[in-house]
Amino acid sequence: MFTGIIECMGTLLSIEQDVENLIFEIESPISDALKIDQSLAHDGICLTVIQQGSGKHRVCAIRETIEKTTCGNWQAGKILNLERCLPVNGRLDGHLVQGHVDCRAVCQQITEAEGSWVFQFNFPSEFAALVIEKGSISVNGTSLTCHDIGLDTFSVSIIPYTYTHTSIQDIRVGDTVNIEFDILGKYLNRWQEVKQLTS
């Protein structure tokens, strides 16, 4: 479980094909502190550390992950948001994030707003019920607050600190990002679906 508060950024050094899997090698300030089999969020994708040392670590993405997230399009040199799991006694400064990407969204517009930035994204309308005004959402692993929502669009406002300390600074119009909706909303939505089916 994560919080969506990005710990640091890492640089993707190389990508290796392993049958249908992809092995990513990342250099980061926290790589040496990681342990084998540890879960680590990379741009919001929970991946397992399979090797680490010398300021680098390696993780593996299987076909399911490649098909549902942006990682299949990553290229060497990409900057990734990294976050280690929330310790049991830690503070929940963002919101509960599982690292299980629900869908991809496309950046439609970026507006500079006197010291901050507003990013508008387009997402599949089948998830519309999971996006609410002033609700939490994870964009490439970053916990953000939705506003100006539509049936298949939402916007987020980015303060200078978040812009500087996350990979959102690299997002351009037309880029695809990983989206994870608030887990509480997903459970409520599922409860309503089951209630309708069984009533």
C-alpha atoms as a PDB file:
ATOM      1  CA  MET A   1       0.000   0.000   0.000  1.00  0.00           C
ATOM      2  CA  PHE A   2       1.244   3.467  -0.923  1.00  0.00           C
ATOM      3  CA  THR A   3       0.183   7.059  -0.258  1.00  0.00           C
ATOM      4  CA  GLY A   4       0.808   8.826  -3.549  1.00  0.00           C
ATOM      5  CA  ILE A   5       3.444  11.052  -1.959  1.00  0.00           C
ATOM      6  CA  ILE A   6       6.438  10.629  -4.262  1.00  0.00           C
ATOM      7  CA  GLU A   7       9.650   9.813  -2.411  1.00  0.00           C
ATOM      8  CA  CYS A   8      12.083  10.574  -5.213  1.00  0.00           C
ATOM      9  CA  MET A   9      12.577  10.265  -8.945  1.00  0.00           C
ATOM     10  CA  GLY A  10      14.604   7.599 -10.696  1.00  0.00           C
ATOM     11  CA  THR A  11      16.067   7.287 -14.183  1.00  0.00           C
ATOM     12  CA  LEU A  12      15.278   4.291 -16.369  1.00  0.00           C
ATOM     13  CA  LEU A  13      18.648   3.009 -17.570  1.00  0.00           C
ATOM     14  CA  SER A  14      17.723  -0.001 -19.676  1.00  0.00           C
ATOM     15  CA  ILE A  15      14.905  -2.310 -20.765  1.00  0.00           C
ATOM     16  CA  GLU A  16      15.394  -6.017 -21.374  1.00  0.00           C
ATOM     17  CA  GLN A  17      12.892  -8.410 -22.983  1.00  0.00           C
ATOM     18  CA  ASP A  18      12.487 -11.686 -21.067  1.00  0.00           C
ATOM     19  CA  VAL A  19      10.038 -13.875 -23.050  1.00  0.00           C
ATOM     20  CA  GLU A  20       6.794 -11.828 -22.593  1.00  0.00           C
ATOM     21  CA  ASN A  21       8.108  -9.871 -19.613  1.00  0.00           C
ATOM     22  CA  LEU A  22      10.057  -6.635 -19.460  1.00  0.00           C
ATOM     23  CA  ILE A  23      12.963  -6.113 -17.051  1.00  0.00           C
ATOM     24  CA  PHE A  24      13.617  -2.483 -16.140  1.00  0.00           C
ATOM     25  CA  GLU A  25      16.857  -1.217 -14.606  1.00  0.00           C
ATOM     26  CA  ILE A  26      16.479   2.035 -12.676  1.00  0.00           C
ATOM     27  CA  GLU A  27      19.008   4.313 -11.020  1.00  0.00           C
ATOM     28  CA  SER A  28      17.746   6.235  -8.002  1.00  0.00           C
ATOM     29  CA  PRO A  29      18.711   7.701  -4.610  1.00  0.00           C
ATOM     30  CA  ILE A  30      16.825   4.891  -2.811  1.00  0.00           C
ATOM     31  CA  SER A  31      17.968   1.890  -4.877  1.00  0.00           C
ATOM     32  CA  ASP A  32      20.683   0.855  -2.399  1.00  0.00           C
ATOM     33  CA  ALA A  33      18.165   0.888   0.472  1.00  0.00           C
ATOM     34  CA  LEU A  34      15.793  -1.517  -1.270  1.00  0.00           C
ATOM     35  CA  LYS A  35      15.510  -5.240  -0.623  1.00  0.00           C
ATOM     36  CA  ILE A  36      14.886  -8.122  -3.000  1.00  0.00           C
ATOM     37  CA  ASP A  37      11.148  -8.957  -3.217  1.00  0.00           C
ATOM     38  CA  GLN A  38      10.190  -5.480  -1.961  1.00  0.00           C
ATOM     39  CA  SER A  39       7.265  -3.687  -3.604  1.00  0.00           C
ATOM     40  CA  LEU A  40       8.014  -0.282  -5.084  1.00  0.00           C
ATOM     41  CA  ALA A  41       5.706   2.033  -7.037  1.00  0.00           C
ATOM     42  CA  HIS A  42       7.138   3.210 -10.375  1.00  0.00           C
ATOM     43  CA  ASP A  43       4.936   5.936 -11.897  1.00  0.00           C
ATOM     44  CA  GLY A  44       2.108   4.402  -9.873  1.00  0.00           C
ATOM     45  CA  ILE A  45       2.790   0.787 -10.907  1.00  0.00           C
ATOM     46  CA  CYS A  46       3.582  -1.597  -8.059  1.00  0.00           C
ATOM     47  CA  LEU A  47       6.587  -3.659  -9.201  1.00  0.00           C
ATOM     48  CA  THR A  48       8.746  -6.139  -7.290  1.00  0.00           C
ATOM     49  CA  VAL A  49      12.473  -5.565  -6.843  1.00  0.00           C
ATOM     50  CA  ILE A  50      14.396  -8.535  -8.284  1.00  0.00           C
ATOM     51  CA  GLN A  51      17.917  -7.136  -8.023  1.00  0.00           C
ATOM     52  CA  GLN A  52      19.624  -4.115  -6.452  1.00  0.00           C
ATOM     53  CA  GLY A  53      23.023  -2.615  -5.741  1.00  0.00           C
ATOM     54  CA  SER A  54      25.458   0.099  -6.865  1.00  0.00           C
ATOM     55  CA  GLY A  55      22.729   2.732  -6.831  1.00  0.00           C
ATOM     56  CA  LYS A  56      20.505   0.745  -9.184  1.00  0.00           C
ATOM     57  CA  HIS A  57      17.662  -1.754  -8.987  1.00  0.00           C
ATOM     58  CA  ARG A  58      15.795  -4.011 -11.394  1.00  0.00           C
ATOM     59  CA  VAL A  59      12.086  -4.848 -11.541  1.00  0.00           C
ATOM     60  CA  CYS A  60       9.989  -7.122 -13.749  1.00  0.00           C
ATOM     61  CA  ALA A  61       6.680  -6.320 -15.476  1.00  0.00           C
ATOM     62  CA  ILE A  62       4.525  -9.190 -16.740  1.00  0.00           C
ATOM     63  CA  ARG A  63       2.216  -9.085 -19.765  1.00  0.00           C
ATOM     64  CA  GLU A  64      -0.870  -8.074 -17.715  1.00  0.00           C
ATOM     65  CA  THR A  65       0.983  -5.034 -16.379  1.00  0.00           C
ATOM     66  CA  ILE A  66       2.417  -4.141 -19.792  1.00  0.00           C
ATOM     67  CA  GLU A  67      -1.027  -4.226 -21.398  1.00  0.00           C
ATOM     68  CA  LYS A  68      -2.811  -2.140 -18.745  1.00  0.00           C
ATOM     69  CA  THR A  69      -0.208   0.517 -17.963  1.00  0.00           C
ATOM     70  CA  THR A  70       2.202   2.856 -19.726  1.00  0.00           C
ATOM     71  CA  CYS A  71       5.295   0.744 -19.010  1.00  0.00           C
ATOM     72  CA  GLY A  72       5.204  -0.929 -22.414  1.00  0.00           C
ATOM     73  CA  ASN A  73       6.002   2.459 -23.957  1.00  0.00           C
ATOM     74  CA  TRP A  74       8.811   3.437 -21.592  1.00  0.00           C
ATOM     75  CA  GLN A  75      12.196   4.219 -23.083  1.00  0.00           C
ATOM     76  CA  ALA A  76      15.675   4.476 -21.570  1.00  0.00           C
ATOM     77  CA  GLY A  77      16.203   7.905 -20.026  1.00  0.00           C
ATOM     78  CA  LYS A  78      12.625   8.238 -18.786  1.00  0.00           C
ATOM     79  CA  ILE A  79      12.214   9.827 -15.352  1.00  0.00           C
ATOM     80  CA  LEU A  80       9.990   7.778 -13.008  1.00  0.00           C
ATOM     81  CA  ASN A  81       8.167   8.665  -9.802  1.00  0.00           C
ATOM     82  CA  LEU A  82       9.234   6.265  -7.028  1.00  0.00           C
ATOM     83  CA  GLU A  83       7.569   5.500  -3.714  1.00  0.00           C
ATOM     84  CA  ARG A  84       8.235   2.761  -1.188  1.00  0.00           C
ATOM     85  CA  CYS A  85       5.352   1.119   0.689  1.00  0.00           C
ATOM     86  CA  LEU A  86       3.690   2.902   3.574  1.00  0.00           C
ATOM     87  CA  PRO A  87       5.026   1.611   6.921  1.00  0.00           C
ATOM     88  CA  VAL A  88       2.328   0.567   9.405  1.00  0.00           C
ATOM     89  CA  ASN A  89       3.274   3.426  11.729  1.00  0.00           C
ATOM     90  CA  GLY A  90       3.640   5.978   8.911  1.00  0.00           C
ATOM     91  CA  ARG A  91       1.577   9.053   8.132  1.00  0.00           C
ATOM     92  CA  LEU A  92      -1.003   8.923   5.349  1.00  0.00           C
ATOM     93  CA  ASP A  93      -0.224  12.304   3.799  1.00  0.00           C
ATOM     94  CA  GLY A  94      -1.853  11.523   0.437  1.00  0.00           C
ATOM     95  CA  HIS A  95      -4.504   8.823   0.109  1.00  0.00           C
ATOM     96  CA  LEU A  96      -4.523   5.019  -0.008  1.00  0.00           C
ATOM     97  CA  VAL A  97      -2.908   3.907  -3.269  1.00  0.00           C
ATOM     98  CA  GLN A  98      -2.454   0.226  -4.135  1.00  0.00           C
ATOM     99  CA  GLY A  99      -0.162   0.581  -7.117  1.00  0.00           C
ATOM    100  CA  HIS A 100      -2.743  -1.302  -9.209  1.00  0.00           C
ATOM    101  CA  VAL A 101      -3.357   0.848 -12.281  1.00  0.00           C
ATOM    102  CA  ASP A 102      -7.018   0.969 -13.355  1.00  0.00           C
ATOM    103  CA  CYS A 103      -6.577   2.592 -16.751  1.00  0.00           C
ATOM    104  CA  ARG A 104      -4.560   5.006 -18.821  1.00  0.00           C
ATOM    105  CA  ALA A 105      -5.473   8.631 -19.495  1.00  0.00           C
ATOM    106  CA  VAL A 106      -4.264  11.146 -22.065  1.00  0.00           C
ATOM    107  CA  CYS A 107      -3.158  14.674 -21.247  1.00  0.00           C
ATOM    108  CA  GLN A 108      -5.401  17.054 -23.220  1.00  0.00           C
ATOM    109  CA  GLN A 109      -4.341  20.454 -21.976  1.00  0.00           C
ATOM    110  CA  ILE A 110      -1.766  22.127 -19.738  1.00  0.00           C
ATOM    111  CA  THR A 111      -2.403  25.651 -18.475  1.00  0.00           C
ATOM    112  CA  GLU A 112       0.019  27.774 -16.475  1.00  0.00           C
ATOM    113  CA  ALA A 113      -1.855  29.645 -13.752  1.00  0.00           C
ATOM    114  CA  GLU A 114       0.352  32.247 -12.054  1.00  0.00           C
ATOM    115  CA  GLY A 115       2.709  29.947 -10.191  1.00  0.00           C
ATOM    116  CA  SER A 116       0.821  26.686 -10.583  1.00  0.00           C
ATOM    117  CA  TRP A 117      -0.244  24.426 -13.433  1.00  0.00           C
ATOM    118  CA  VAL A 118      -3.575  22.865 -14.394  1.00  0.00           C
ATOM    119  CA  PHE A 119      -3.458  19.542 -16.260  1.00  0.00           C
ATOM    120  CA  GLN A 120      -6.579  18.216 -17.960  1.00  0.00           C
ATOM    121  CA  PHE A 121      -6.825  14.503 -18.724  1.00  0.00           C
ATOM    122  CA  ASN A 122      -9.173  12.373 -20.798  1.00  0.00           C
ATOM    123  CA  PHE A 123      -9.982   8.891 -19.434  1.00  0.00           C
ATOM    124  CA  PRO A 124     -12.336   6.021 -20.413  1.00  0.00           C
ATOM    125  CA  SER A 125     -15.904   7.065 -19.545  1.00  0.00           C
ATOM    126  CA  GLU A 126     -16.654   3.610 -18.108  1.00  0.00           C
ATOM    127  CA  PHE A 127     -14.812   4.830 -14.978  1.00  0.00           C
ATOM    128  CA  ALA A 128     -16.825   8.078 -14.676  1.00  0.00           C
ATOM    129  CA  ALA A 129     -18.519   7.015 -11.429  1.00  0.00           C
ATOM    130  CA  LEU A 130     -15.109   6.773  -9.721  1.00  0.00           C
ATOM    131  CA  VAL A 131     -14.157  10.413 -10.317  1.00  0.00           C
ATOM    132  CA  ILE A 132     -15.721  13.017  -8.043  1.00  0.00           C
ATOM    133  CA  GLU A 133     -15.198  16.741  -7.557  1.00  0.00           C
ATOM    134  CA  LYS A 134     -12.436  17.304  -4.977  1.00  0.00           C
ATOM    135  CA  GLY A 135     -11.850  13.546  -4.806  1.00  0.00           C
ATOM    136  CA  SER A 136      -8.450  11.858  -4.728  1.00  0.00           C
ATOM    137  CA  ILE A 137      -6.829  10.298  -7.777  1.00  0.00           C
ATOM    138  CA  SER A 138      -3.386   8.865  -8.519  1.00  0.00           C
ATOM    139  CA  VAL A 139      -1.685  10.147 -11.696  1.00  0.00           C
ATOM    140  CA  ASN A 140       1.582   8.305 -12.383  1.00  0.00           C
ATOM    141  CA  GLY A 141       1.601   7.438  -8.690  1.00  0.00           C
ATOM    142  CA  THR A 142       1.123  11.005  -7.461  1.00  0.00           C
ATOM    143  CA  SER A 143      -1.810  11.676  -5.122  1.00  0.00           C
ATOM    144  CA  LEU A 144      -3.778  14.592  -6.585  1.00  0.00           C
ATOM    145  CA  THR A 145      -7.207  16.210  -6.221  1.00  0.00           C
ATOM    146  CA  CYS A 146      -9.723  16.238  -9.081  1.00  0.00           C
ATOM    147  CA  HIS A 147     -11.670  19.295 -10.171  1.00  0.00           C
ATOM    148  CA  ASP A 148     -13.683  20.420 -13.196  1.00  0.00           C
ATOM    149  CA  ILE A 149     -14.744  16.849 -13.878  1.00  0.00           C
ATOM    150  CA  GLY A 150     -16.740  15.685 -16.878  1.00  0.00           C
ATOM    151  CA  LEU A 151     -17.997  12.320 -18.082  1.00  0.00           C
ATOM    152  CA  ASP A 152     -14.543  11.433 -19.402  1.00  0.00           C
ATOM    153  CA  THR A 153     -12.330  14.331 -18.274  1.00  0.00           C
ATOM    154  CA  PHE A 154     -10.877  15.725 -15.086  1.00  0.00           C
ATOM    155  CA  SER A 155      -8.334  18.368 -14.153  1.00  0.00           C
ATOM    156  CA  VAL A 156      -5.717  18.540 -11.411  1.00  0.00           C
ATOM    157  CA  SER A 157      -3.843  21.581 -10.143  1.00  0.00           C
ATOM    158  CA  ILE A 158      -0.131  21.241  -9.470  1.00  0.00           C
ATOM    159  CA  ILE A 159       1.757  23.367  -6.969  1.00  0.00           C
ATOM    160  CA  PRO A 160       5.407  24.278  -7.664  1.00  0.00           C
ATOM    161  CA  TYR A 161       6.804  21.750  -5.164  1.00  0.00           C
ATOM    162  CA  THR A 162       4.922  18.842  -6.754  1.00  0.00           C
ATOM    163  CA  TYR A 163       5.856  20.041 -10.237  1.00  0.00           C
ATOM    164  CA  THR A 164       9.547  20.195  -9.342  1.00  0.00           C
ATOM    165  CA  HIS A 165       9.743  16.974  -7.321  1.00  0.00           C
ATOM    166  CA  THR A 166       7.740  14.587  -9.545  1.00  0.00           C
ATOM    167  CA  SER A 167       7.810  13.481 -13.160  1.00  0.00           C
ATOM    168  CA  ILE A 168       4.637  15.451 -13.886  1.00  0.00           C
ATOM    169  CA  GLN A 169       7.009  18.166 -15.111  1.00  0.00           C
ATOM    170  CA  ASP A 170       7.772  15.902 -18.096  1.00  0.00           C
ATOM    171  CA  ILE A 171       4.139  15.355 -19.143  1.00  0.00           C
ATOM    172  CA  ARG A 172       3.201  16.983 -22.440  1.00  0.00           C
ATOM    173  CA  VAL A 173      -0.122  17.292 -24.262  1.00  0.00           C
ATOM    174  CA  GLY A 174      -0.829  13.935 -25.904  1.00  0.00           C
ATOM    175  CA  ASP A 175       1.172  11.925 -23.361  1.00  0.00           C
ATOM    176  CA  THR A 176      -0.399   8.894 -21.687  1.00  0.00           C
ATOM    177  CA  VAL A 177      -0.355   8.472 -17.888  1.00  0.00           C
ATOM    178  CA  ASN A 178      -1.259   5.760 -15.370  1.00  0.00           C
ATOM    179  CA  ILE A 179      -4.464   6.313 -13.411  1.00  0.00           C
ATOM    180  CA  GLU A 180      -5.562   4.639 -10.190  1.00  0.00           C
ATOM    181  CA  PHE A 181      -8.912   5.637  -8.751  1.00  0.00           C
ATOM    182  CA  ASP A 182      -9.624   5.944  -5.033  1.00  0.00           C
ATOM    183  CA  ILE A 183     -10.042   2.455  -3.538  1.00  0.00           C
ATOM    184  CA  LEU A 184     -12.952   3.602  -1.353  1.00  0.00           C
ATOM    185  CA  GLY A 185     -14.864   4.696  -4.441  1.00  0.00           C
ATOM    186  CA  LYS A 186     -14.155   1.355  -6.126  1.00  0.00           C
ATOM    187  CA  TYR A 187     -15.510  -0.618  -3.189  1.00  0.00           C
ATOM    188  CA  LEU A 188     -18.630   1.562  -3.005  1.00  0.00           C
ATOM    189  CA  ASN A 189     -19.189   1.217  -6.741  1.00  0.00           C
ATOM    190  CA  ARG A 190     -18.836  -2.573  -6.527  1.00  0.00           C
ATOM    191  CA  TRP A 191     -21.228  -2.731  -3.557  1.00  0.00           C
ATOM    192  CA  GLN A 192     -23.862  -0.869  -5.560  1.00  0.00           C
ATOM    193  CA  GLU A 193     -23.366  -3.194  -8.553  1.00  0.00           C
ATOM    194  CA  VAL A 194     -23.779  -6.310  -6.434  1.00  0.00           C
ATOM    195  CA  LYS A 195     -26.793  -4.840  -4.654  1.00  0.00           C
ATOM    196  CA  GLN A 196     -28.515  -4.227  -7.999  1.00  0.00           C
ATOM    197  CA  LEU A 197     -27.691  -7.750  -9.220  1.00  0.00           C
ATOM    198  CA  THR A 198     -29.034  -9.420  -6.074  1.00  0.00           C
ATOM    199  CA  SER A 199     -32.121  -7.283  -5.448  1.00  0.00           C
END
